[in-house]
Amino acid sequence: MDIFRFGLVNFYPLIETFPKYMNLCVAKAPDTEQGRIAKSWLAHNIKIERRHAQWYRDWAIGFGVSEKIFEKPINPPPEIDAVNNFLWRVCTYGSLVEAVAGLNYAIEGPTGVWTRLVYPNIKRFENRDGVGLDSKSLLWLRAHAVYDEVHPEEALEIIKTLAKSDNDRKGAIRAAKSGMDYYAMAAEACYTLAAAA
């Protein structure tokens, strides 16, 4: 339970900042048909991700995290925050193809995988040690178990239409691998640090 709560708290900055990373990508969209499609897709998803930050807080609170935790800045340990630093860097300095690969494909793809595993089993924690889950507190988890199955595929379509050269494709692959590596590192550190506390 403590490991789960530790993760919910320390991954919150990633959830909260996710639409801001996507917003950095919008300005990179070229003034072409493919660029306009990418821009529209990003703008739509920014609106969705802004709602998700509140849903995520509701999930954490339903899982027994104090609401007061979210009233002040959360500073994750460096091993967990490294994923945020990578995403800020790739979305600020990388190409649009690299940013979409590192952010929307590399983060949302694995999120869809783990949420599909957690969602059907989360109710087993109900009424244990301050856990009170209801439809409101499960919105984020339920949405990502479905939504993040589609979103990485859409991101791949954006990447395919914008990656015109071998360098573009290599950059996208490198960014996707790095994003997944940082995400995995953060998850592993979350478990290790919480277990050691």
N, C-alpha and C. Protein backbone atom coordinates (compact mmCIF):
# COMPACT_ATOMS: atom_id res chain seq x y z
N MET A 1 0.82 -1.19 0.00
CA MET A 1 0.00 0.00 0.00
C MET A 1 0.87 1.26 0.00
N ASP A 2 1.90 1.26 0.86
CA ASP A 2 2.76 2.44 0.94
C ASP A 2 3.52 2.66 -0.37
N ILE A 3 3.94 1.59 -1.01
CA ILE A 3 4.66 1.70 -2.29
C ILE A 3 3.73 2.30 -3.34
N PHE A 4 2.49 1.82 -3.36
CA PHE A 4 1.51 2.30 -4.33
C PHE A 4 1.26 3.79 -4.11
N ARG A 5 1.07 4.19 -2.86
CA ARG A 5 0.83 5.61 -2.55
C ARG A 5 2.05 6.46 -2.88
N PHE A 6 3.22 5.96 -2.57
CA PHE A 6 4.46 6.67 -2.91
C PHE A 6 4.50 6.93 -4.42
N GLY A 7 4.15 5.93 -5.19
CA GLY A 7 4.12 6.08 -6.65
C GLY A 7 3.07 7.08 -7.11
N LEU A 8 1.89 7.00 -6.53
CA LEU A 8 0.83 7.94 -6.92
C LEU A 8 1.25 9.39 -6.67
N VAL A 9 1.91 9.63 -5.56
CA VAL A 9 2.36 10.99 -5.24
C VAL A 9 3.49 11.42 -6.16
N ASN A 10 4.50 10.58 -6.30
CA ASN A 10 5.71 11.01 -7.01
C ASN A 10 5.60 10.98 -8.53
N PHE A 11 4.58 10.32 -9.05
CA PHE A 11 4.32 10.40 -10.49
C PHE A 11 3.35 11.54 -10.84
N TYR A 12 2.77 12.16 -9.81
CA TYR A 12 1.83 13.24 -10.09
C TYR A 12 2.44 14.38 -10.91
N PRO A 13 3.68 14.82 -10.63
CA PRO A 13 4.24 15.89 -11.47
C PRO A 13 4.29 15.53 -12.96
N LEU A 14 4.50 14.26 -13.28
CA LEU A 14 4.47 13.83 -14.68
C LEU A 14 3.06 14.00 -15.25
N ILE A 15 2.07 13.57 -14.50
CA ILE A 15 0.68 13.67 -14.96
C ILE A 15 0.27 15.14 -15.11
N GLU A 16 0.62 15.94 -14.13
CA GLU A 16 0.24 17.35 -14.14
C GLU A 16 0.91 18.11 -15.28
N THR A 17 2.14 17.76 -15.60
CA THR A 17 2.92 18.49 -16.60
C THR A 17 2.73 17.94 -18.01
N PHE A 18 2.14 16.77 -18.14
CA PHE A 18 1.99 16.13 -19.44
C PHE A 18 1.37 17.04 -20.50
N PRO A 19 0.26 17.74 -20.21
CA PRO A 19 -0.30 18.63 -21.24
C PRO A 19 0.63 19.80 -21.57
N LYS A 20 1.45 20.21 -20.63
CA LYS A 20 2.40 21.30 -20.90
C LYS A 20 3.49 20.83 -21.85
N TYR A 21 3.92 19.59 -21.70
CA TYR A 21 4.88 19.03 -22.66
C TYR A 21 4.27 18.99 -24.05
N MET A 22 3.02 18.56 -24.13
CA MET A 22 2.35 18.50 -25.43
C MET A 22 2.20 19.89 -26.04
N ASN A 23 1.97 20.87 -25.19
CA ASN A 23 1.83 22.25 -25.67
C ASN A 23 3.13 22.73 -26.32
N LEU A 24 4.28 22.28 -25.79
CA LEU A 24 5.56 22.63 -26.39
C LEU A 24 5.67 22.08 -27.82
N CYS A 25 4.98 21.00 -28.08
CA CYS A 25 5.04 20.35 -29.39
C CYS A 25 4.22 21.10 -30.44
N VAL A 26 3.16 21.76 -30.03
CA VAL A 26 2.23 22.40 -30.97
C VAL A 26 2.96 23.39 -31.87
N ALA A 27 3.82 24.20 -31.28
CA ALA A 27 4.53 25.22 -32.06
C ALA A 27 5.49 24.62 -33.08
N LYS A 28 5.84 23.37 -32.90
CA LYS A 28 6.78 22.70 -33.82
C LYS A 28 6.10 22.19 -35.10
N ALA A 29 4.77 22.16 -35.09
CA ALA A 29 4.05 21.59 -36.23
C ALA A 29 4.26 22.45 -37.47
N PRO A 30 4.72 21.84 -38.57
CA PRO A 30 4.93 22.61 -39.79
C PRO A 30 3.61 23.05 -40.42
N ASP A 31 3.67 24.06 -41.24
CA ASP A 31 2.47 24.56 -41.90
C ASP A 31 2.22 23.76 -43.18
N THR A 32 1.90 22.49 -42.96
CA THR A 32 1.56 21.57 -44.05
C THR A 32 0.29 20.84 -43.62
N GLU A 33 -0.27 20.08 -44.51
CA GLU A 33 -1.47 19.32 -44.16
C GLU A 33 -1.18 18.37 -43.00
N GLN A 34 -0.03 17.65 -43.08
CA GLN A 34 0.33 16.72 -42.01
C GLN A 34 0.60 17.47 -40.70
N GLY A 35 1.21 18.64 -40.81
CA GLY A 35 1.48 19.45 -39.63
C GLY A 35 0.20 19.94 -38.98
N ARG A 36 -0.77 20.33 -39.79
CA ARG A 36 -2.05 20.79 -39.25
C ARG A 36 -2.81 19.64 -38.58
N ILE A 37 -2.71 18.45 -39.14
CA ILE A 37 -3.33 17.27 -38.53
C ILE A 37 -2.68 17.00 -37.17
N ALA A 38 -1.35 17.06 -37.14
CA ALA A 38 -0.62 16.83 -35.88
C ALA A 38 -1.00 17.88 -34.84
N LYS A 39 -1.07 19.13 -35.28
CA LYS A 39 -1.42 20.22 -34.37
C LYS A 39 -2.83 20.04 -33.80
N SER A 40 -3.77 19.67 -34.64
CA SER A 40 -5.15 19.44 -34.20
C SER A 40 -5.20 18.28 -33.21
N TRP A 41 -4.49 17.21 -33.52
CA TRP A 41 -4.44 16.04 -32.64
C TRP A 41 -3.86 16.41 -31.29
N LEU A 42 -2.77 17.16 -31.29
CA LEU A 42 -2.14 17.59 -30.03
C LEU A 42 -3.09 18.49 -29.24
N ALA A 43 -3.72 19.46 -29.90
CA ALA A 43 -4.62 20.38 -29.22
C ALA A 43 -5.78 19.64 -28.55
N HIS A 44 -6.34 18.68 -29.26
CA HIS A 44 -7.43 17.87 -28.70
C HIS A 44 -6.96 17.11 -27.46
N ASN A 45 -5.77 16.52 -27.56
CA ASN A 45 -5.27 15.71 -26.45
C ASN A 45 -4.80 16.55 -25.27
N ILE A 46 -4.40 17.78 -25.51
CA ILE A 46 -4.03 18.67 -24.41
C ILE A 46 -5.25 18.89 -23.51
N LYS A 47 -6.40 19.11 -24.12
CA LYS A 47 -7.63 19.31 -23.34
C LYS A 47 -7.95 18.08 -22.50
N ILE A 48 -7.79 16.93 -23.08
CA ILE A 48 -8.05 15.67 -22.37
C ILE A 48 -7.07 15.52 -21.20
N GLU A 49 -5.80 15.73 -21.47
CA GLU A 49 -4.78 15.53 -20.43
C GLU A 49 -4.92 16.51 -19.27
N ARG A 50 -5.43 17.70 -19.52
CA ARG A 50 -5.67 18.66 -18.43
C ARG A 50 -6.71 18.11 -17.45
N ARG A 51 -7.75 17.48 -17.98
CA ARG A 51 -8.76 16.85 -17.11
C ARG A 51 -8.15 15.69 -16.33
N HIS A 52 -7.24 14.99 -16.97
CA HIS A 52 -6.68 13.79 -16.35
C HIS A 52 -5.89 14.10 -15.07
N ALA A 53 -5.31 15.29 -14.97
CA ALA A 53 -4.58 15.63 -13.75
C ALA A 53 -5.51 15.61 -12.54
N GLN A 54 -6.71 16.16 -12.70
CA GLN A 54 -7.68 16.13 -11.58
C GLN A 54 -8.14 14.71 -11.32
N TRP A 55 -8.39 13.94 -12.36
CA TRP A 55 -8.81 12.55 -12.18
C TRP A 55 -7.74 11.75 -11.44
N TYR A 56 -6.48 12.02 -11.77
CA TYR A 56 -5.38 11.32 -11.12
C TYR A 56 -5.35 11.65 -9.62
N ARG A 57 -5.52 12.94 -9.28
CA ARG A 57 -5.59 13.34 -7.87
C ARG A 57 -6.74 12.62 -7.17
N ASP A 58 -7.88 12.53 -7.84
CA ASP A 58 -9.03 11.83 -7.26
C ASP A 58 -8.69 10.37 -6.98
N TRP A 59 -7.95 9.74 -7.89
CA TRP A 59 -7.54 8.35 -7.69
C TRP A 59 -6.61 8.24 -6.48
N ALA A 60 -5.63 9.12 -6.41
CA ALA A 60 -4.69 9.08 -5.28
C ALA A 60 -5.42 9.29 -3.96
N ILE A 61 -6.32 10.25 -3.93
CA ILE A 61 -7.08 10.54 -2.70
C ILE A 61 -7.97 9.34 -2.34
N GLY A 62 -8.60 8.74 -3.34
CA GLY A 62 -9.40 7.54 -3.10
C GLY A 62 -8.56 6.38 -2.61
N PHE A 63 -7.29 6.39 -2.96
CA PHE A 63 -6.39 5.33 -2.52
C PHE A 63 -5.74 5.66 -1.17
N GLY A 64 -6.19 6.75 -0.56
CA GLY A 64 -5.74 7.05 0.79
C GLY A 64 -4.65 8.10 0.92
N VAL A 65 -4.27 8.75 -0.18
CA VAL A 65 -3.29 9.83 -0.13
C VAL A 65 -4.02 11.09 0.36
N SER A 66 -3.42 11.81 1.30
CA SER A 66 -4.04 13.02 1.82
C SER A 66 -4.16 14.07 0.73
N GLU A 67 -5.32 14.72 0.67
CA GLU A 67 -5.56 15.78 -0.31
C GLU A 67 -4.56 16.93 -0.13
N LYS A 68 -4.08 17.12 1.08
CA LYS A 68 -3.14 18.20 1.38
C LYS A 68 -1.82 18.04 0.64
N ILE A 69 -1.46 16.82 0.30
CA ILE A 69 -0.22 16.56 -0.45
C ILE A 69 -0.21 17.37 -1.75
N PHE A 70 -1.37 17.52 -2.38
CA PHE A 70 -1.47 18.16 -3.68
C PHE A 70 -1.63 19.68 -3.59
N GLU A 71 -1.62 20.21 -2.39
CA GLU A 71 -1.75 21.65 -2.21
C GLU A 71 -0.42 22.38 -2.27
N LYS A 72 0.67 21.63 -2.33
CA LYS A 72 2.01 22.24 -2.42
C LYS A 72 2.81 21.49 -3.48
N PRO A 73 3.90 22.07 -3.94
CA PRO A 73 4.70 21.39 -4.97
C PRO A 73 5.21 20.03 -4.49
N ILE A 74 5.20 19.08 -5.40
CA ILE A 74 5.73 17.75 -5.12
C ILE A 74 7.06 17.64 -5.85
N ASN A 75 8.08 17.29 -5.11
CA ASN A 75 9.43 17.16 -5.67
C ASN A 75 9.85 15.70 -5.62
N PRO A 76 9.63 14.97 -6.70
CA PRO A 76 9.99 13.55 -6.70
C PRO A 76 11.50 13.37 -6.55
N PRO A 77 11.92 12.22 -6.06
CA PRO A 77 13.36 11.92 -6.04
C PRO A 77 13.92 12.00 -7.47
N PRO A 78 15.21 12.35 -7.60
CA PRO A 78 15.81 12.52 -8.94
C PRO A 78 15.63 11.32 -9.86
N GLU A 79 15.67 10.12 -9.30
CA GLU A 79 15.53 8.92 -10.13
C GLU A 79 14.15 8.84 -10.78
N ILE A 80 13.16 9.41 -10.11
CA ILE A 80 11.79 9.42 -10.66
C ILE A 80 11.60 10.66 -11.53
N ASP A 81 12.15 11.78 -11.09
CA ASP A 81 11.99 13.03 -11.83
C ASP A 81 12.76 13.05 -13.14
N ALA A 82 13.69 12.13 -13.32
CA ALA A 82 14.47 12.10 -14.56
C ALA A 82 13.59 11.98 -15.79
N VAL A 83 12.45 11.29 -15.69
CA VAL A 83 11.55 11.17 -16.83
C VAL A 83 11.00 12.54 -17.20
N ASN A 84 10.70 13.37 -16.20
CA ASN A 84 10.22 14.73 -16.48
C ASN A 84 11.29 15.55 -17.17
N ASN A 85 12.52 15.43 -16.71
CA ASN A 85 13.61 16.18 -17.32
C ASN A 85 13.82 15.76 -18.77
N PHE A 86 13.74 14.46 -19.04
CA PHE A 86 13.86 13.99 -20.42
C PHE A 86 12.74 14.55 -21.29
N LEU A 87 11.51 14.47 -20.79
CA LEU A 87 10.36 14.92 -21.59
C LEU A 87 10.43 16.42 -21.86
N TRP A 88 10.82 17.19 -20.85
CA TRP A 88 10.97 18.63 -21.08
C TRP A 88 12.02 18.88 -22.16
N ARG A 89 13.12 18.18 -22.09
CA ARG A 89 14.22 18.38 -23.05
C ARG A 89 13.80 17.97 -24.46
N VAL A 90 13.19 16.80 -24.62
CA VAL A 90 12.83 16.34 -25.96
C VAL A 90 11.70 17.19 -26.54
N CYS A 91 10.78 17.65 -25.70
CA CYS A 91 9.68 18.48 -26.21
C CYS A 91 10.11 19.92 -26.48
N THR A 92 11.17 20.36 -25.82
CA THR A 92 11.67 21.72 -26.03
C THR A 92 12.66 21.77 -27.18
N TYR A 93 13.60 20.84 -27.20
CA TYR A 93 14.71 20.91 -28.15
C TYR A 93 14.65 19.89 -29.27
N GLY A 94 13.84 18.85 -29.12
CA GLY A 94 13.75 17.84 -30.16
C GLY A 94 12.83 18.28 -31.28
N SER A 95 12.85 17.54 -32.37
CA SER A 95 11.92 17.80 -33.47
C SER A 95 10.52 17.35 -33.03
N LEU A 96 9.51 17.70 -33.80
CA LEU A 96 8.15 17.27 -33.48
C LEU A 96 8.06 15.74 -33.48
N VAL A 97 8.72 15.12 -34.43
CA VAL A 97 8.71 13.66 -34.51
C VAL A 97 9.34 13.05 -33.26
N GLU A 98 10.45 13.59 -32.81
CA GLU A 98 11.10 13.09 -31.60
C GLU A 98 10.22 13.32 -30.37
N ALA A 99 9.61 14.50 -30.30
CA ALA A 99 8.77 14.83 -29.14
C ALA A 99 7.55 13.91 -29.06
N VAL A 100 6.88 13.69 -30.17
CA VAL A 100 5.71 12.81 -30.17
C VAL A 100 6.12 11.37 -29.84
N ALA A 101 7.26 10.94 -30.36
CA ALA A 101 7.74 9.58 -30.06
C ALA A 101 8.11 9.44 -28.59
N GLY A 102 8.83 10.42 -28.05
CA GLY A 102 9.29 10.35 -26.66
C GLY A 102 8.19 10.56 -25.65
N LEU A 103 7.18 11.32 -26.02
CA LEU A 103 6.11 11.66 -25.09
C LEU A 103 4.88 10.78 -25.29
N ASN A 104 4.26 10.92 -26.44
CA ASN A 104 2.96 10.27 -26.65
C ASN A 104 3.07 8.78 -26.91
N TYR A 105 4.13 8.35 -27.57
CA TYR A 105 4.26 6.92 -27.81
C TYR A 105 4.93 6.22 -26.63
N ALA A 106 6.07 6.75 -26.18
CA ALA A 106 6.87 6.07 -25.16
C ALA A 106 6.25 6.09 -23.78
N ILE A 107 5.48 7.09 -23.46
CA ILE A 107 4.89 7.17 -22.13
C ILE A 107 3.47 6.60 -22.13
N GLU A 108 2.67 6.99 -23.10
CA GLU A 108 1.28 6.54 -23.09
C GLU A 108 1.14 5.06 -23.46
N GLY A 109 2.04 4.55 -24.27
CA GLY A 109 1.97 3.12 -24.61
C GLY A 109 2.11 2.24 -23.38
N PRO A 110 3.21 2.37 -22.63
CA PRO A 110 3.36 1.57 -21.40
C PRO A 110 2.28 1.88 -20.35
N THR A 111 1.83 3.12 -20.30
CA THR A 111 0.76 3.46 -19.34
C THR A 111 -0.49 2.66 -19.66
N GLY A 112 -0.80 2.53 -20.94
CA GLY A 112 -1.95 1.71 -21.33
C GLY A 112 -1.78 0.26 -20.92
N VAL A 113 -0.55 -0.25 -21.03
CA VAL A 113 -0.29 -1.65 -20.66
C VAL A 113 -0.51 -1.85 -19.16
N TRP A 114 0.13 -1.02 -18.33
CA TRP A 114 0.00 -1.28 -16.89
C TRP A 114 -1.39 -0.94 -16.36
N THR A 115 -2.06 0.05 -16.93
CA THR A 115 -3.41 0.36 -16.44
C THR A 115 -4.40 -0.76 -16.78
N ARG A 116 -4.20 -1.42 -17.92
CA ARG A 116 -5.07 -2.55 -18.26
C ARG A 116 -4.86 -3.72 -17.31
N LEU A 117 -3.69 -3.82 -16.71
CA LEU A 117 -3.43 -4.87 -15.72
C LEU A 117 -3.95 -4.48 -14.33
N VAL A 118 -3.81 -3.21 -13.98
CA VAL A 118 -4.19 -2.75 -12.64
C VAL A 118 -5.70 -2.58 -12.50
N TYR A 119 -6.33 -2.01 -13.51
CA TYR A 119 -7.76 -1.66 -13.39
C TYR A 119 -8.65 -2.82 -12.96
N PRO A 120 -8.57 -4.00 -13.57
CA PRO A 120 -9.48 -5.07 -13.15
C PRO A 120 -9.19 -5.59 -11.74
N ASN A 121 -8.03 -5.24 -11.19
CA ASN A 121 -7.65 -5.77 -9.88
C ASN A 121 -7.65 -4.74 -8.76
N ILE A 122 -7.92 -3.48 -9.07
CA ILE A 122 -7.77 -2.41 -8.08
C ILE A 122 -8.80 -2.52 -6.95
N LYS A 123 -9.96 -3.05 -7.23
CA LYS A 123 -11.01 -3.12 -6.21
C LYS A 123 -10.63 -4.03 -5.04
N ARG A 124 -9.65 -4.86 -5.21
CA ARG A 124 -9.26 -5.74 -4.09
C ARG A 124 -8.67 -4.95 -2.92
N PHE A 125 -8.29 -3.69 -3.19
CA PHE A 125 -7.76 -2.84 -2.12
C PHE A 125 -8.87 -2.09 -1.38
N GLU A 126 -10.08 -2.18 -1.87
CA GLU A 126 -11.22 -1.46 -1.29
C GLU A 126 -11.34 -1.73 0.20
N ASN A 127 -11.56 -0.65 0.95
CA ASN A 127 -11.76 -0.70 2.40
C ASN A 127 -10.54 -1.21 3.18
N ARG A 128 -9.39 -1.15 2.58
CA ARG A 128 -8.16 -1.55 3.28
C ARG A 128 -7.32 -0.31 3.54
N ASP A 129 -7.00 -0.06 4.77
CA ASP A 129 -6.06 0.99 5.15
C ASP A 129 -6.37 2.34 4.50
N GLY A 130 -7.62 2.78 4.63
CA GLY A 130 -7.99 4.11 4.15
C GLY A 130 -8.35 4.20 2.68
N VAL A 131 -8.47 3.08 2.00
CA VAL A 131 -8.82 3.08 0.58
C VAL A 131 -10.33 3.10 0.43
N GLY A 132 -10.83 4.05 -0.36
CA GLY A 132 -12.25 4.16 -0.64
C GLY A 132 -12.44 4.51 -2.10
N LEU A 133 -12.50 3.52 -2.94
CA LEU A 133 -12.57 3.72 -4.38
C LEU A 133 -14.02 3.75 -4.85
N ASP A 134 -14.32 4.71 -5.72
CA ASP A 134 -15.64 4.81 -6.32
C ASP A 134 -15.46 5.18 -7.79
N SER A 135 -16.56 5.43 -8.49
CA SER A 135 -16.46 5.71 -9.93
C SER A 135 -15.63 6.97 -10.19
N LYS A 136 -15.74 7.98 -9.32
CA LYS A 136 -14.96 9.21 -9.50
C LYS A 136 -13.47 8.95 -9.33
N SER A 137 -13.10 8.18 -8.31
CA SER A 137 -11.69 7.95 -8.06
C SER A 137 -11.06 6.98 -9.06
N LEU A 138 -11.89 6.29 -9.82
CA LEU A 138 -11.35 5.34 -10.81
C LEU A 138 -11.38 5.88 -12.23
N LEU A 139 -11.80 7.13 -12.43
CA LEU A 139 -11.89 7.70 -13.78
C LEU A 139 -10.55 7.66 -14.52
N TRP A 140 -9.46 8.11 -13.86
CA TRP A 140 -8.16 8.16 -14.53
C TRP A 140 -7.72 6.77 -14.95
N LEU A 141 -7.81 5.84 -14.03
CA LEU A 141 -7.35 4.47 -14.30
C LEU A 141 -8.18 3.84 -15.42
N ARG A 142 -9.50 3.98 -15.34
CA ARG A 142 -10.37 3.39 -16.36
C ARG A 142 -10.12 4.03 -17.73
N ALA A 143 -10.00 5.36 -17.76
CA ALA A 143 -9.77 6.05 -19.03
C ALA A 143 -8.46 5.60 -19.67
N HIS A 144 -7.42 5.47 -18.88
CA HIS A 144 -6.12 5.10 -19.45
C HIS A 144 -6.05 3.63 -19.85
N ALA A 145 -6.84 2.81 -19.21
CA ALA A 145 -6.89 1.40 -19.62
C ALA A 145 -7.49 1.26 -21.02
N VAL A 146 -8.29 2.24 -21.44
CA VAL A 146 -8.90 2.23 -22.77
C VAL A 146 -8.19 3.23 -23.69
N TYR A 147 -8.10 4.47 -23.25
CA TYR A 147 -7.58 5.58 -24.07
C TYR A 147 -6.13 5.34 -24.49
N ASP A 148 -5.30 4.85 -23.61
CA ASP A 148 -3.89 4.68 -23.95
C ASP A 148 -3.62 3.44 -24.77
N GLU A 149 -4.67 2.75 -25.16
CA GLU A 149 -4.50 1.70 -26.15
C GLU A 149 -4.54 2.31 -27.55
N VAL A 150 -5.32 3.36 -27.71
CA VAL A 150 -5.50 4.02 -29.00
C VAL A 150 -4.48 5.13 -29.23
N HIS A 151 -4.19 5.89 -28.20
CA HIS A 151 -3.35 7.08 -28.35
C HIS A 151 -1.95 6.78 -28.89
N PRO A 152 -1.24 5.74 -28.42
CA PRO A 152 0.08 5.45 -29.01
C PRO A 152 0.00 5.09 -30.49
N GLU A 153 -1.08 4.43 -30.89
CA GLU A 153 -1.25 4.11 -32.31
C GLU A 153 -1.44 5.39 -33.13
N GLU A 154 -2.21 6.32 -32.58
CA GLU A 154 -2.39 7.61 -33.26
C GLU A 154 -1.06 8.37 -33.32
N ALA A 155 -0.28 8.30 -32.24
CA ALA A 155 1.03 8.95 -32.23
C ALA A 155 1.93 8.36 -33.32
N LEU A 156 1.89 7.05 -33.49
CA LEU A 156 2.69 6.41 -34.54
C LEU A 156 2.28 6.90 -35.93
N GLU A 157 0.99 7.10 -36.12
CA GLU A 157 0.53 7.62 -37.42
C GLU A 157 1.06 9.03 -37.65
N ILE A 158 1.07 9.86 -36.62
CA ILE A 158 1.64 11.22 -36.73
C ILE A 158 3.12 11.12 -37.07
N ILE A 159 3.82 10.26 -36.36
CA ILE A 159 5.27 10.08 -36.61
C ILE A 159 5.51 9.62 -38.04
N LYS A 160 4.73 8.65 -38.50
CA LYS A 160 4.91 8.12 -39.86
C LYS A 160 4.71 9.20 -40.92
N THR A 161 3.73 10.06 -40.71
CA THR A 161 3.47 11.08 -41.74
C THR A 161 4.49 12.21 -41.71
N LEU A 162 5.13 12.44 -40.56
CA LEU A 162 6.07 13.56 -40.45
C LEU A 162 7.53 13.16 -40.59
N ALA A 163 7.84 11.89 -40.37
CA ALA A 163 9.23 11.43 -40.46
C ALA A 163 9.58 11.20 -41.92
N LYS A 164 10.18 12.21 -42.54
CA LYS A 164 10.46 12.17 -43.98
C LYS A 164 11.82 11.59 -44.32
N SER A 165 12.74 11.58 -43.38
CA SER A 165 14.10 11.14 -43.69
C SER A 165 14.53 10.04 -42.72
N ASP A 166 15.65 9.40 -43.06
CA ASP A 166 16.22 8.40 -42.15
C ASP A 166 16.59 9.03 -40.81
N ASN A 167 17.09 10.26 -40.84
CA ASN A 167 17.43 10.95 -39.60
C ASN A 167 16.19 11.18 -38.74
N ASP A 168 15.07 11.55 -39.38
CA ASP A 168 13.81 11.72 -38.64
C ASP A 168 13.41 10.40 -37.96
N ARG A 169 13.46 9.33 -38.73
CA ARG A 169 13.05 8.03 -38.19
C ARG A 169 14.00 7.56 -37.09
N LYS A 170 15.29 7.75 -37.28
CA LYS A 170 16.26 7.38 -36.23
C LYS A 170 16.05 8.22 -34.98
N GLY A 171 15.76 9.50 -35.15
CA GLY A 171 15.49 10.37 -34.00
C GLY A 171 14.25 9.93 -33.24
N ALA A 172 13.21 9.53 -33.97
CA ALA A 172 11.98 9.06 -33.34
C ALA A 172 12.23 7.78 -32.55
N ILE A 173 12.97 6.86 -33.14
CA ILE A 173 13.28 5.60 -32.46
C ILE A 173 14.11 5.87 -31.20
N ARG A 174 15.11 6.71 -31.33
CA ARG A 174 15.96 7.06 -30.18
C ARG A 174 15.12 7.71 -29.06
N ALA A 175 14.25 8.64 -29.42
CA ALA A 175 13.42 9.33 -28.42
C ALA A 175 12.44 8.36 -27.76
N ALA A 176 11.84 7.47 -28.55
CA ALA A 176 10.90 6.50 -27.99
C ALA A 176 11.61 5.56 -27.02
N LYS A 177 12.78 5.07 -27.41
CA LYS A 177 13.53 4.18 -26.52
C LYS A 177 13.96 4.90 -25.25
N SER A 178 14.43 6.13 -25.39
CA SER A 178 14.84 6.90 -24.21
C SER A 178 13.66 7.17 -23.30
N GLY A 179 12.52 7.55 -23.87
CA GLY A 179 11.34 7.80 -23.06
C GLY A 179 10.93 6.57 -22.28
N MET A 180 10.93 5.41 -22.94
CA MET A 180 10.58 4.17 -22.26
C MET A 180 11.60 3.82 -21.18
N ASP A 181 12.88 4.03 -21.49
CA ASP A 181 13.93 3.75 -20.50
C ASP A 181 13.77 4.62 -19.26
N TYR A 182 13.53 5.91 -19.46
CA TYR A 182 13.34 6.81 -18.31
C TYR A 182 12.09 6.46 -17.52
N TYR A 183 11.03 6.09 -18.22
CA TYR A 183 9.78 5.71 -17.55
C TYR A 183 10.00 4.44 -16.72
N ALA A 184 10.68 3.47 -17.30
CA ALA A 184 10.97 2.22 -16.57
C ALA A 184 11.88 2.50 -15.39
N MET A 185 12.87 3.36 -15.58
CA MET A 185 13.79 3.71 -14.49
C MET A 185 13.01 4.37 -13.35
N ALA A 186 12.09 5.27 -13.69
CA ALA A 186 11.29 5.95 -12.67
C ALA A 186 10.41 4.95 -11.91
N ALA A 187 9.80 4.02 -12.62
CA ALA A 187 8.94 3.02 -11.97
C ALA A 187 9.76 2.13 -11.05
N GLU A 188 10.91 1.69 -11.51
CA GLU A 188 11.79 0.83 -10.69
C GLU A 188 12.27 1.60 -9.47
N ALA A 189 12.67 2.86 -9.65
CA ALA A 189 13.13 3.67 -8.52
C ALA A 189 12.00 3.90 -7.53
N CYS A 190 10.81 4.07 -8.02
CA CYS A 190 9.65 4.27 -7.16
C CYS A 190 9.50 3.06 -6.22
N TYR A 191 9.57 1.90 -6.79
CA TYR A 191 9.42 0.67 -5.99
C TYR A 191 10.58 0.55 -5.01
N THR A 192 11.80 0.73 -5.48
CA THR A 192 12.99 0.56 -4.64
C THR A 192 13.02 1.58 -3.50
N LEU A 193 12.78 2.84 -3.83
CA LEU A 193 12.84 3.90 -2.81
C LEU A 193 11.73 3.76 -1.77
N ALA A 194 10.53 3.42 -2.23
CA ALA A 194 9.41 3.27 -1.28
C ALA A 194 9.64 2.06 -0.38
N ALA A 195 10.15 0.97 -0.94
CA ALA A 195 10.39 -0.24 -0.15
C ALA A 195 11.49 -0.01 0.90
N ALA A 196 12.46 0.86 0.57
CA ALA A 196 13.57 1.12 1.49
C ALA A 196 13.19 2.11 2.58
N ALA A 197 12.12 2.87 2.37
CA ALA A 197 11.74 3.91 3.35
C ALA A 197 11.15 3.33 4.61
